Amino acid sequence: MFWLVWDKHRSDVLTIGYKENLGFALLWLLPWDGESGLSFSQLDPYFIEVCRRVRLVQTADGISALRATTKGPRIYKDEAKARKGYTGDLWTPVHVAEGKSLGVSVSGFSYERMAELAFGSDYKKPPAQVVYHSDTGPRLELVAQAIAGGQSTTDGYHERRILLSPTVRKLMLQGQSNHLATTAKERVHAVGQLAFLLRNAIKTLLDGGKSRADPKGIPESISKKASLLAAPFEQAEDARFFIALNEEMESEQPDNERLQWLLSMADAAEAILKHAFTAGPQCGEQRYRAQTAALSRFHGGLRNPKTLPDLANYLRQRSIDKELP
């Protein structure tokens, strides 16, 4: 099946300026003076680039590698820049509005980025990401791999695999990704809201529980420390994000499944807040004031309908039920 996709996509790629027949494909086979470049019109649609001048040579001691410097890119820089990194390959998503290929930073494939790439509409899905009826088997995964670009260097190799549950696979196969995109987006928002509440609660703790008219007046050093202390929450949610999403999609009671997920996140965030108490004031009255203020701010945020309405409504109703005789 993949070769059929490859062949079908080739005719589409030709329309962006490649050579239909006898174009250069394996660029390291061509002589290169390290300065001259190639035009896209000289290349096969599925060319493989070379960015270093390296040659293996036979010597009396065996095989050695020779390396030389370069003064320019192998493919003309102006052409590559005009294409915004889009070369028509089978694997790279392209931003719909900006027309440029996906770039990966040092943060790699976070849950937010993967949710958008898997189900969102900001990026055009590459042919290799399309789900076909022939994609059968016990597991179907979306695999993202990239080397992050830095300033004259690289920021590491990044890889992430997410399992697509049977229901998710079915919806993608049918081209019904709107529900997936909406659900994933709502979950990304929920994680972000709870992470925001947690950071603010820890800021209140580290600030000694002070009641500030302007929260922006909290010192930058406290804000940075609060972010570090809160980081494990989002890291943990990142790790289980797609597992929990699949569970909701497969559940016969998706609303309840989502509510239980929200409650588990609230518990996890509160546990991290309480663990951060050791970093707050430790002296007598100030200690209790800081801890009480931090918990009050956190719980107040949970019950604010503007934060996460479903969670706030549930907590409000639970409080009412406890008060009833």
C-alpha atoms as a PDB file:
ATOM      1  CA  MET A   1       0.000   0.000   0.000  1.00  0.00           C
ATOM      2  CA  PHE A   2       2.760   2.455   0.857  1.00  0.00           C
ATOM      3  CA  TRP A   3       4.248   2.138  -2.619  1.00  0.00           C
ATOM      4  CA  LEU A   4       0.859   2.965  -4.136  1.00  0.00           C
ATOM      5  CA  VAL A   5       0.737   6.109  -1.985  1.00  0.00           C
ATOM      6  CA  TRP A   6       4.301   6.936  -3.043  1.00  0.00           C
ATOM      7  CA  ASP A   7       3.470   6.548  -6.745  1.00  0.00           C
ATOM      8  CA  LYS A   8       0.198   8.513  -6.542  1.00  0.00           C
ATOM      9  CA  HIS A   9       1.803  11.347  -4.615  1.00  0.00           C
ATOM     10  CA  ARG A  10       4.682  11.617  -7.099  1.00  0.00           C
ATOM     11  CA  SER A  11       2.452  13.096  -9.800  1.00  0.00           C
ATOM     12  CA  ASP A  12       1.181  15.693  -7.314  1.00  0.00           C
ATOM     13  CA  VAL A  13       4.698  16.685  -6.291  1.00  0.00           C
ATOM     14  CA  LEU A  14       5.779  17.186  -9.907  1.00  0.00           C
ATOM     15  CA  THR A  15       3.460  20.187 -10.121  1.00  0.00           C
ATOM     16  CA  ILE A  16       5.682  22.182  -7.760  1.00  0.00           C
ATOM     17  CA  GLY A  17       8.635  22.214 -10.130  1.00  0.00           C
ATOM     18  CA  TYR A  18      10.602  18.967 -10.048  1.00  0.00           C
ATOM     19  CA  LYS A  19      11.991  17.122 -13.071  1.00  0.00           C
ATOM     20  CA  GLU A  20       9.659  14.370 -14.210  1.00  0.00           C
ATOM     21  CA  ASN A  21      12.284  12.010 -15.626  1.00  0.00           C
ATOM     22  CA  LEU A  22      15.980  11.435 -14.942  1.00  0.00           C
ATOM     23  CA  GLY A  23      16.185  14.024 -12.198  1.00  0.00           C
ATOM     24  CA  PHE A  24      18.991  13.812  -9.646  1.00  0.00           C
ATOM     25  CA  ALA A  25      17.900  11.613  -6.739  1.00  0.00           C
ATOM     26  CA  LEU A  26      20.838  10.592  -4.547  1.00  0.00           C
ATOM     27  CA  LEU A  27      22.728  13.844  -4.291  1.00  0.00           C
ATOM     28  CA  TRP A  28      25.833  12.425  -2.602  1.00  0.00           C
ATOM     29  CA  LEU A  29      26.632  10.549  -5.820  1.00  0.00           C
ATOM     30  CA  LEU A  30      27.235  13.809  -7.681  1.00  0.00           C
ATOM     31  CA  PRO A  31      30.540  15.681  -7.669  1.00  0.00           C
ATOM     32  CA  TRP A  32      30.334  18.828  -5.529  1.00  0.00           C
ATOM     33  CA  ASP A  33      32.823  21.642  -5.185  1.00  0.00           C
ATOM     34  CA  GLY A  34      31.203  22.793  -1.951  1.00  0.00           C
ATOM     35  CA  GLU A  35      29.954  26.036  -3.466  1.00  0.00           C
ATOM     36  CA  SER A  36      27.716  25.430  -6.480  1.00  0.00           C
ATOM     37  CA  GLY A  37      24.085  24.514  -5.919  1.00  0.00           C
ATOM     38  CA  LEU A  38      21.317  22.601  -7.643  1.00  0.00           C
ATOM     39  CA  SER A  39      17.920  23.880  -8.738  1.00  0.00           C
ATOM     40  CA  PHE A  40      14.730  22.060  -7.811  1.00  0.00           C
ATOM     41  CA  SER A  41      14.027  21.743 -11.532  1.00  0.00           C
ATOM     42  CA  GLN A  42      17.053  19.418 -11.762  1.00  0.00           C
ATOM     43  CA  LEU A  43      15.850  17.102  -8.996  1.00  0.00           C
ATOM     44  CA  ASP A  44      13.701  14.000  -8.829  1.00  0.00           C
ATOM     45  CA  PRO A  45      10.594  14.563  -6.626  1.00  0.00           C
ATOM     46  CA  TYR A  46      11.941  12.052  -4.102  1.00  0.00           C
ATOM     47  CA  PHE A  47      15.531  13.229  -3.990  1.00  0.00           C
ATOM     48  CA  ILE A  48      17.629  12.654  -0.872  1.00  0.00           C
ATOM     49  CA  GLU A  49      19.821  15.589   0.079  1.00  0.00           C
ATOM     50  CA  VAL A  50      23.410  15.676   1.277  1.00  0.00           C
ATOM     51  CA  CYS A  51      24.653  18.536   3.456  1.00  0.00           C
ATOM     52  CA  ARG A  52      28.266  17.455   4.071  1.00  0.00           C
ATOM     53  CA  ARG A  53      31.140  16.796   1.691  1.00  0.00           C
ATOM     54  CA  VAL A  54      32.261  13.352   2.780  1.00  0.00           C
ATOM     55  CA  ARG A  55      33.810  10.606   0.653  1.00  0.00           C
ATOM     56  CA  LEU A  56      34.913   7.089   1.525  1.00  0.00           C
ATOM     57  CA  VAL A  57      38.208   6.110  -0.124  1.00  0.00           C
ATOM     58  CA  GLN A  58      40.226   2.930  -0.251  1.00  0.00           C
ATOM     59  CA  THR A  59      43.690   3.273   1.302  1.00  0.00           C
ATOM     60  CA  ALA A  60      46.488   0.877   2.156  1.00  0.00           C
ATOM     61  CA  ASP A  61      45.125   0.719   5.707  1.00  0.00           C
ATOM     62  CA  GLY A  62      41.562   0.060   4.610  1.00  0.00           C
ATOM     63  CA  ILE A  63      38.610   2.420   4.066  1.00  0.00           C
ATOM     64  CA  SER A  64      38.955   6.035   5.246  1.00  0.00           C
ATOM     65  CA  ALA A  65      36.597   8.992   5.225  1.00  0.00           C
ATOM     66  CA  LEU A  66      37.622  12.333   3.747  1.00  0.00           C
ATOM     67  CA  ARG A  67      35.751  15.463   4.681  1.00  0.00           C
ATOM     68  CA  ALA A  68      35.857  18.980   3.225  1.00  0.00           C
ATOM     69  CA  THR A  69      34.151  22.247   4.115  1.00  0.00           C
ATOM     70  CA  THR A  70      31.369  23.907   2.107  1.00  0.00           C
ATOM     71  CA  LYS A  71      30.758  27.511   1.172  1.00  0.00           C
ATOM     72  CA  GLY A  72      27.124  27.142   0.249  1.00  0.00           C
ATOM     73  CA  PRO A  73      24.117  24.783   0.462  1.00  0.00           C
ATOM     74  CA  ARG A  74      23.744  21.875  -1.957  1.00  0.00           C
ATOM     75  CA  ILE A  75      20.378  23.224  -3.130  1.00  0.00           C
ATOM     76  CA  TYR A  76      20.049  26.897  -3.994  1.00  0.00           C
ATOM     77  CA  LYS A  77      19.237  28.793  -0.829  1.00  0.00           C
ATOM     78  CA  ASP A  78      16.815  31.238  -2.447  1.00  0.00           C
ATOM     79  CA  GLU A  79      14.715  28.415  -3.878  1.00  0.00           C
ATOM     80  CA  ALA A  80      14.642  26.549  -0.581  1.00  0.00           C
ATOM     81  CA  LYS A  81      13.729  29.729   1.292  1.00  0.00           C
ATOM     82  CA  ALA A  82      10.929  30.515  -1.150  1.00  0.00           C
ATOM     83  CA  ARG A  83       9.458  27.074  -0.541  1.00  0.00           C
ATOM     84  CA  LYS A  84       9.515  27.621   3.252  1.00  0.00           C
ATOM     85  CA  GLY A  85      10.925  24.148   3.752  1.00  0.00           C
ATOM     86  CA  TYR A  86       8.154  22.464   1.767  1.00  0.00           C
ATOM     87  CA  THR A  87       9.664  19.903  -0.590  1.00  0.00           C
ATOM     88  CA  GLY A  88       6.588  17.751  -1.155  1.00  0.00           C
ATOM     89  CA  ASP A  89       7.870  14.716   0.726  1.00  0.00           C
ATOM     90  CA  LEU A  90       5.541  12.059   2.088  1.00  0.00           C
ATOM     91  CA  TRP A  91       6.103  12.685   5.775  1.00  0.00           C
ATOM     92  CA  THR A  92       6.206  16.406   6.538  1.00  0.00           C
ATOM     93  CA  PRO A  93       3.072  18.323   7.668  1.00  0.00           C
ATOM     94  CA  VAL A  94       2.635  21.750   6.096  1.00  0.00           C
ATOM     95  CA  HIS A  95       1.064  24.710   7.869  1.00  0.00           C
ATOM     96  CA  VAL A  96      -2.112  25.536   5.973  1.00  0.00           C
ATOM     97  CA  ALA A  97      -2.137  29.311   6.494  1.00  0.00           C
ATOM     98  CA  GLU A  98       1.601  29.958   6.247  1.00  0.00           C
ATOM     99  CA  GLY A  99       2.470  27.330   3.648  1.00  0.00           C
ATOM    100  CA  LYS A 100       5.641  26.274   5.474  1.00  0.00           C
ATOM    101  CA  SER A 101       6.768  22.868   6.609  1.00  0.00           C
ATOM    102  CA  LEU A 102       6.673  21.812  10.230  1.00  0.00           C
ATOM    103  CA  GLY A 103       9.666  22.868  12.295  1.00  0.00           C
ATOM    104  CA  VAL A 104      10.516  21.190  15.591  1.00  0.00           C
ATOM    105  CA  SER A 105      12.098  23.082  18.475  1.00  0.00           C
ATOM    106  CA  VAL A 106      14.022  21.811  21.467  1.00  0.00           C
ATOM    107  CA  SER A 107      10.695  21.020  23.187  1.00  0.00           C
ATOM    108  CA  GLY A 108      10.072  18.285  20.622  1.00  0.00           C
ATOM    109  CA  PHE A 109       6.648  16.683  20.280  1.00  0.00           C
ATOM    110  CA  SER A 110       4.699  17.868  23.304  1.00  0.00           C
ATOM    111  CA  TYR A 111       1.121  16.752  23.889  1.00  0.00           C
ATOM    112  CA  GLU A 112      -0.154  20.093  22.511  1.00  0.00           C
ATOM    113  CA  ARG A 113       1.880  19.741  19.328  1.00  0.00           C
ATOM    114  CA  MET A 114       0.959  16.095  18.827  1.00  0.00           C
ATOM    115  CA  ALA A 115      -2.745  16.756  19.408  1.00  0.00           C
ATOM    116  CA  GLU A 116      -2.682  19.395  16.688  1.00  0.00           C
ATOM    117  CA  LEU A 117      -0.656  17.274  14.270  1.00  0.00           C
ATOM    118  CA  ALA A 118      -2.810  14.191  14.827  1.00  0.00           C
ATOM    119  CA  PHE A 119      -6.284  15.704  14.826  1.00  0.00           C
ATOM    120  CA  GLY A 120      -6.149  19.465  14.256  1.00  0.00           C
ATOM    121  CA  SER A 121      -6.596  21.509  11.091  1.00  0.00           C
ATOM    122  CA  ASP A 122      -3.673  23.937  11.294  1.00  0.00           C
ATOM    123  CA  TYR A 123      -1.426  21.523   9.388  1.00  0.00           C
ATOM    124  CA  LYS A 124      -2.152  19.651   6.181  1.00  0.00           C
ATOM    125  CA  LYS A 125      -1.694  15.950   6.837  1.00  0.00           C
ATOM    126  CA  PRO A 126       1.092  14.395   4.718  1.00  0.00           C
ATOM    127  CA  PRO A 127       0.285  11.273   2.657  1.00  0.00           C
ATOM    128  CA  ALA A 128       2.129   8.991   5.090  1.00  0.00           C
ATOM    129  CA  GLN A 129      -0.256  10.059   7.866  1.00  0.00           C
ATOM    130  CA  VAL A 130      -3.443   9.136   6.022  1.00  0.00           C
ATOM    131  CA  VAL A 131      -5.190   6.052   7.445  1.00  0.00           C
ATOM    132  CA  TYR A 132      -6.250   3.399   4.906  1.00  0.00           C
ATOM    133  CA  HIS A 133      -8.500   0.343   5.117  1.00  0.00           C
ATOM    134  CA  SER A 134      -5.406  -1.811   4.660  1.00  0.00           C
ATOM    135  CA  ASP A 135      -3.889  -0.406   7.878  1.00  0.00           C
ATOM    136  CA  THR A 136      -4.888  -3.376   9.972  1.00  0.00           C
ATOM    137  CA  GLY A 137      -3.323  -5.141  12.926  1.00  0.00           C
ATOM    138  CA  PRO A 138      -3.510  -5.095  16.719  1.00  0.00           C
ATOM    139  CA  ARG A 139      -1.796  -1.700  16.983  1.00  0.00           C
ATOM    140  CA  LEU A 140      -1.894   1.402  14.857  1.00  0.00           C
ATOM    141  CA  GLU A 141       0.506   4.154  15.880  1.00  0.00           C
ATOM    142  CA  LEU A 142       1.220   7.679  14.750  1.00  0.00           C
ATOM    143  CA  VAL A 143       4.993   8.112  14.778  1.00  0.00           C
ATOM    144  CA  ALA A 144       6.618  11.549  14.829  1.00  0.00           C
ATOM    145  CA  GLN A 145      10.387  11.846  14.358  1.00  0.00           C
ATOM    146  CA  ALA A 146      12.513  14.928  13.795  1.00  0.00           C
ATOM    147  CA  ILE A 147      15.833  16.589  14.501  1.00  0.00           C
ATOM    148  CA  ALA A 148      15.302  19.996  16.070  1.00  0.00           C
ATOM    149  CA  GLY A 149      17.111  22.824  14.353  1.00  0.00           C
ATOM    150  CA  GLY A 150      19.291  25.211  16.325  1.00  0.00           C
ATOM    151  CA  GLN A 151      21.582  28.132  15.553  1.00  0.00           C
ATOM    152  CA  SER A 152      24.314  26.500  13.436  1.00  0.00           C
ATOM    153  CA  THR A 153      23.716  23.304  15.416  1.00  0.00           C
ATOM    154  CA  THR A 154      20.943  20.874  16.307  1.00  0.00           C
ATOM    155  CA  ASP A 155      18.785  20.652  19.421  1.00  0.00           C
ATOM    156  CA  GLY A 156      18.581  16.896  19.496  1.00  0.00           C
ATOM    157  CA  TYR A 157      16.603  14.059  17.996  1.00  0.00           C
ATOM    158  CA  HIS A 158      12.953  13.853  19.054  1.00  0.00           C
ATOM    159  CA  GLU A 159      10.519  10.983  18.672  1.00  0.00           C
ATOM    160  CA  ARG A 160       7.029  10.271  19.935  1.00  0.00           C
ATOM    161  CA  ARG A 161       4.602   7.450  19.277  1.00  0.00           C
ATOM    162  CA  ILE A 162       0.914   7.596  20.099  1.00  0.00           C
ATOM    163  CA  LEU A 163      -1.431   4.646  19.925  1.00  0.00           C
ATOM    164  CA  LEU A 164      -4.619   5.160  17.940  1.00  0.00           C
ATOM    165  CA  SER A 165      -7.486   3.248  19.536  1.00  0.00           C
ATOM    166  CA  PRO A 166     -10.027   1.365  17.362  1.00  0.00           C
ATOM    167  CA  THR A 167     -12.588   4.177  17.588  1.00  0.00           C
ATOM    168  CA  VAL A 168      -9.979   6.823  16.794  1.00  0.00           C
ATOM    169  CA  ARG A 169      -8.795   4.763  13.820  1.00  0.00           C
ATOM    170  CA  LYS A 170     -12.367   4.366  12.593  1.00  0.00           C
ATOM    171  CA  LEU A 171     -13.078   8.093  12.771  1.00  0.00           C
ATOM    172  CA  MET A 172      -9.837   8.930  10.961  1.00  0.00           C
ATOM    173  CA  LEU A 173     -10.568   6.304   8.309  1.00  0.00           C
ATOM    174  CA  GLN A 174     -13.982   7.845   7.719  1.00  0.00           C
ATOM    175  CA  GLY A 175     -12.531  11.334   7.583  1.00  0.00           C
ATOM    176  CA  GLN A 176     -14.565  12.346  10.655  1.00  0.00           C
ATOM    177  CA  SER A 177     -11.826  14.078  12.587  1.00  0.00           C
ATOM    178  CA  ASN A 178     -13.830  17.082  13.843  1.00  0.00           C
ATOM    179  CA  HIS A 179     -14.936  15.283  17.012  1.00  0.00           C
ATOM    180  CA  LEU A 180     -11.383  14.097  17.634  1.00  0.00           C
ATOM    181  CA  ALA A 181      -9.997  17.587  17.103  1.00  0.00           C
ATOM    182  CA  THR A 182     -12.578  19.166  19.421  1.00  0.00           C
ATOM    183  CA  THR A 183     -12.050  16.598  22.176  1.00  0.00           C
ATOM    184  CA  ALA A 184      -8.262  16.852  21.988  1.00  0.00           C
ATOM    185  CA  LYS A 185      -8.398  20.655  21.975  1.00  0.00           C
ATOM    186  CA  GLU A 186     -10.663  20.700  25.038  1.00  0.00           C
ATOM    187  CA  ARG A 187      -8.288  18.369  26.865  1.00  0.00           C
ATOM    188  CA  VAL A 188      -5.251  20.481  25.978  1.00  0.00           C
ATOM    189  CA  HIS A 189      -7.129  23.488  27.360  1.00  0.00           C
ATOM    190  CA  ALA A 190      -8.013  21.615  30.558  1.00  0.00           C
ATOM    191  CA  VAL A 191      -4.395  20.625  31.230  1.00  0.00           C
ATOM    192  CA  GLY A 192      -3.308  24.203  30.602  1.00  0.00           C
ATOM    193  CA  GLN A 193      -5.930  25.613  32.965  1.00  0.00           C
ATOM    194  CA  LEU A 194      -4.980  23.310  35.820  1.00  0.00           C
ATOM    195  CA  ALA A 195      -1.275  23.970  35.243  1.00  0.00           C
ATOM    196  CA  PHE A 196      -2.048  27.706  35.399  1.00  0.00           C
ATOM    197  CA  LEU A 197      -3.973  27.308  38.667  1.00  0.00           C
ATOM    198  CA  LEU A 198      -1.170  25.260  40.176  1.00  0.00           C
ATOM    199  CA  ARG A 199       1.533  27.773  39.232  1.00  0.00           C
ATOM    200  CA  ASN A 200      -0.483  30.645  40.687  1.00  0.00           C
ATOM    201  CA  ALA A 201      -1.152  28.741  43.903  1.00  0.00           C
ATOM    202  CA  ILE A 202       2.561  27.995  44.299  1.00  0.00           C
ATOM    203  CA  LYS A 203       3.357  31.660  43.626  1.00  0.00           C
ATOM    204  CA  THR A 204       0.995  32.587  46.474  1.00  0.00           C
ATOM    205  CA  LEU A 205       2.755  30.057  48.707  1.00  0.00           C
ATOM    206  CA  LEU A 206       6.250  31.338  47.915  1.00  0.00           C
ATOM    207  CA  ASP A 207       5.040  34.922  48.302  1.00  0.00           C
ATOM    208  CA  GLY A 208       4.092  34.181  51.897  1.00  0.00           C
ATOM    209  CA  GLY A 209       0.343  34.209  51.256  1.00  0.00           C
ATOM    210  CA  LYS A 210       0.286  37.939  50.658  1.00  0.00           C
ATOM    211  CA  SER A 211      -2.909  39.438  49.287  1.00  0.00           C
ATOM    212  CA  ARG A 212      -1.684  41.581  46.410  1.00  0.00           C
ATOM    213  CA  ALA A 213      -3.933  44.020  44.571  1.00  0.00           C
ATOM    214  CA  ASP A 214      -1.929  43.265  41.438  1.00  0.00           C
ATOM    215  CA  PRO A 215      -0.707  39.632  41.158  1.00  0.00           C
ATOM    216  CA  LYS A 216       1.741  40.795  38.482  1.00  0.00           C
ATOM    217  CA  GLY A 217       3.698  42.436  41.269  1.00  0.00           C
ATOM    218  CA  ILE A 218       5.054  39.062  42.391  1.00  0.00           C
ATOM    219  CA  PRO A 219       8.855  39.032  41.922  1.00  0.00           C
ATOM    220  CA  GLU A 220      10.169  37.300  38.810  1.00  0.00           C
ATOM    221  CA  SER A 221      12.335  35.000  40.925  1.00  0.00           C
ATOM    222  CA  ILE A 222       9.208  33.631  42.632  1.00  0.00           C
ATOM    223  CA  SER A 223       7.453  33.131  39.302  1.00  0.00           C
ATOM    224  CA  LYS A 224      10.401  31.168  37.906  1.00  0.00           C
ATOM    225  CA  LYS A 225      10.642  28.977  40.991  1.00  0.00           C
ATOM    226  CA  ALA A 226       6.891  28.354  40.916  1.00  0.00           C
ATOM    227  CA  SER A 227       7.126  27.205  37.301  1.00  0.00           C
ATOM    228  CA  LEU A 228       9.888  24.745  38.202  1.00  0.00           C
ATOM    229  CA  LEU A 229       7.934  23.344  41.141  1.00  0.00           C
ATOM    230  CA  ALA A 230       4.783  22.995  39.031  1.00  0.00           C
ATOM    231  CA  ALA A 231       6.531  21.431  36.016  1.00  0.00           C
ATOM    232  CA  PRO A 232       6.076  17.784  37.128  1.00  0.00           C
ATOM    233  CA  PHE A 233       2.303  18.168  36.814  1.00  0.00           C
ATOM    234  CA  GLU A 234       2.321  18.999  33.122  1.00  0.00           C
ATOM    235  CA  GLN A 235       5.067  16.456  32.456  1.00  0.00           C
ATOM    236  CA  ALA A 236       2.917  13.715  33.968  1.00  0.00           C
ATOM    237  CA  GLU A 237      -0.168  14.822  32.043  1.00  0.00           C
ATOM    238  CA  ASP A 238       1.868  14.968  28.844  1.00  0.00           C
ATOM    239  CA  ALA A 239       2.880  11.330  29.341  1.00  0.00           C
ATOM    240  CA  ARG A 240      -0.689  10.062  29.804  1.00  0.00           C
ATOM    241  CA  PHE A 241      -2.525  12.527  27.548  1.00  0.00           C
ATOM    242  CA  PHE A 242      -3.257  10.197  24.637  1.00  0.00           C
ATOM    243  CA  ILE A 243      -3.885   7.185  26.866  1.00  0.00           C
ATOM    244  CA  ALA A 244      -6.637   9.149  28.625  1.00  0.00           C
ATOM    245  CA  LEU A 245      -7.956  10.478  25.311  1.00  0.00           C
ATOM    246  CA  ASN A 246      -8.251   6.951  23.927  1.00  0.00           C
ATOM    247  CA  GLU A 247     -10.089   5.851  27.080  1.00  0.00           C
ATOM    248  CA  GLU A 248     -12.674   8.591  26.572  1.00  0.00           C
ATOM    249  CA  MET A 249     -13.121   7.734  22.909  1.00  0.00           C
ATOM    250  CA  GLU A 250     -13.649   4.043  23.729  1.00  0.00           C
ATOM    251  CA  SER A 251     -15.914   4.612  26.742  1.00  0.00           C
ATOM    252  CA  GLU A 252     -19.663   4.019  26.658  1.00  0.00           C
ATOM    253  CA  GLN A 253     -19.925   6.979  29.050  1.00  0.00           C
ATOM    254  CA  PRO A 254     -17.448   9.526  27.643  1.00  0.00           C
ATOM    255  CA  ASP A 255     -18.706  12.423  29.780  1.00  0.00           C
ATOM    256  CA  ASN A 256     -18.120  10.479  32.981  1.00  0.00           C
ATOM    257  CA  GLU A 257     -14.738   9.299  31.715  1.00  0.00           C
ATOM    258  CA  ARG A 258     -13.716  12.899  31.085  1.00  0.00           C
ATOM    259  CA  LEU A 259     -14.972  14.015  34.504  1.00  0.00           C
ATOM    260  CA  GLN A 260     -12.933  11.307  36.240  1.00  0.00           C
ATOM    261  CA  TRP A 261      -9.900  12.464  34.269  1.00  0.00           C
ATOM    262  CA  LEU A 262     -10.468  16.063  35.398  1.00  0.00           C
ATOM    263  CA  LEU A 263     -10.803  14.955  39.011  1.00  0.00           C
ATOM    264  CA  SER A 264      -7.623  12.895  38.806  1.00  0.00           C
ATOM    265  CA  MET A 265      -5.759  15.903  37.412  1.00  0.00           C
ATOM    266  CA  ALA A 266      -7.072  18.127  40.198  1.00  0.00           C
ATOM    267  CA  ASP A 267      -5.877  15.590  42.777  1.00  0.00           C
ATOM    268  CA  ALA A 268      -2.465  15.329  41.122  1.00  0.00           C
ATOM    269  CA  ALA A 269      -2.081  19.116  40.996  1.00  0.00           C
ATOM    270  CA  GLU A 270      -3.065  19.473  44.668  1.00  0.00           C
ATOM    271  CA  ALA A 271      -0.552  16.793  45.650  1.00  0.00           C
ATOM    272  CA  ILE A 272       2.198  18.740  43.888  1.00  0.00           C
ATOM    273  CA  LEU A 273       1.065  21.943  45.602  1.00  0.00           C
ATOM    274  CA  LYS A 274       1.262  20.300  49.018  1.00  0.00           C
ATOM    275  CA  HIS A 275       4.651  18.840  48.181  1.00  0.00           C
ATOM    276  CA  ALA A 276       5.806  22.390  47.387  1.00  0.00           C
ATOM    277  CA  PHE A 277       4.991  23.426  50.970  1.00  0.00           C
ATOM    278  CA  THR A 278       8.564  22.495  51.886  1.00  0.00           C
ATOM    279  CA  ALA A 279       9.760  25.284  49.582  1.00  0.00           C
ATOM    280  CA  GLY A 280       7.491  27.901  51.175  1.00  0.00           C
ATOM    281  CA  PRO A 281       7.837  29.800  54.453  1.00  0.00           C
ATOM    282  CA  GLN A 282       8.664  27.515  57.398  1.00  0.00           C
ATOM    283  CA  CYS A 283       8.378  29.956  60.264  1.00  0.00           C
ATOM    284  CA  GLY A 284       5.329  29.793  62.570  1.00  0.00           C
ATOM    285  CA  GLU A 285       2.350  31.902  61.599  1.00  0.00           C
ATOM    286  CA  GLN A 286       3.726  32.858  58.190  1.00  0.00           C
ATOM    287  CA  ARG A 287       3.969  29.187  57.257  1.00  0.00           C
ATOM    288  CA  TYR A 288       0.292  28.498  57.955  1.00  0.00           C
ATOM    289  CA  ARG A 289      -0.819  31.737  56.326  1.00  0.00           C
ATOM    290  CA  ALA A 290       1.109  30.924  53.132  1.00  0.00           C
ATOM    291  CA  GLN A 291      -0.137  27.342  52.939  1.00  0.00           C
ATOM    292  CA  THR A 292      -3.742  28.274  53.670  1.00  0.00           C
ATOM    293  CA  ALA A 293      -3.703  31.081  51.104  1.00  0.00           C
ATOM    294  CA  ALA A 294      -2.178  28.797  48.455  1.00  0.00           C
ATOM    295  CA  LEU A 295      -4.788  26.071  49.000  1.00  0.00           C
ATOM    296  CA  SER A 296      -7.575  28.650  49.053  1.00  0.00           C
ATOM    297  CA  ARG A 297      -6.446  30.097  45.752  1.00  0.00           C
ATOM    298  CA  PHE A 298      -6.162  26.649  44.195  1.00  0.00           C
ATOM    299  CA  HIS A 299      -9.569  25.414  45.382  1.00  0.00           C
ATOM    300  CA  GLY A 300     -11.170  28.724  44.467  1.00  0.00           C
ATOM    301  CA  GLY A 301      -9.853  28.320  40.927  1.00  0.00           C
ATOM    302  CA  LEU A 302     -11.229  24.788  40.693  1.00  0.00           C
ATOM    303  CA  ARG A 303     -14.689  26.036  41.675  1.00  0.00           C
ATOM    304  CA  ASN A 304     -14.632  28.996  39.319  1.00  0.00           C
ATOM    305  CA  PRO A 305     -16.979  28.159  36.406  1.00  0.00           C
ATOM    306  CA  LYS A 306     -14.819  30.252  34.094  1.00  0.00           C
ATOM    307  CA  THR A 307     -11.891  27.869  34.583  1.00  0.00           C
ATOM    308  CA  LEU A 308     -13.300  24.404  33.871  1.00  0.00           C
ATOM    309  CA  PRO A 309     -17.127  24.556  33.942  1.00  0.00           C
ATOM    310  CA  ASP A 310     -17.763  20.786  34.125  1.00  0.00           C
ATOM    311  CA  LEU A 311     -15.380  20.341  37.023  1.00  0.00           C
ATOM    312  CA  ALA A 312     -16.679  23.429  38.849  1.00  0.00           C
ATOM    313  CA  ASN A 313     -20.293  22.299  38.500  1.00  0.00           C
ATOM    314  CA  TYR A 314     -19.471  18.832  39.811  1.00  0.00           C
ATOM    315  CA  LEU A 315     -17.580  20.197  42.827  1.00  0.00           C
ATOM    316  CA  ARG A 316     -20.399  22.632  43.594  1.00  0.00           C
ATOM    317  CA  GLN A 317     -23.014  19.877  43.444  1.00  0.00           C
ATOM    318  CA  ARG A 318     -20.880  17.603  45.608  1.00  0.00           C
ATOM    319  CA  SER A 319     -20.673  20.330  48.237  1.00  0.00           C
ATOM    320  CA  ILE A 320     -24.453  20.775  48.137  1.00  0.00           C
ATOM    321  CA  ASP A 321     -25.009  17.022  48.524  1.00  0.00           C
ATOM    322  CA  LYS A 322     -22.739  16.921  51.583  1.00  0.00           C
ATOM    323  CA  GLU A 323     -24.741  19.692  53.239  1.00  0.00           C
ATOM    324  CA  LEU A 324     -28.081  17.966  52.754  1.00  0.00           C
ATOM    325  CA  PRO A 325     -29.421  16.069  55.799  1.00  0.00           C
END
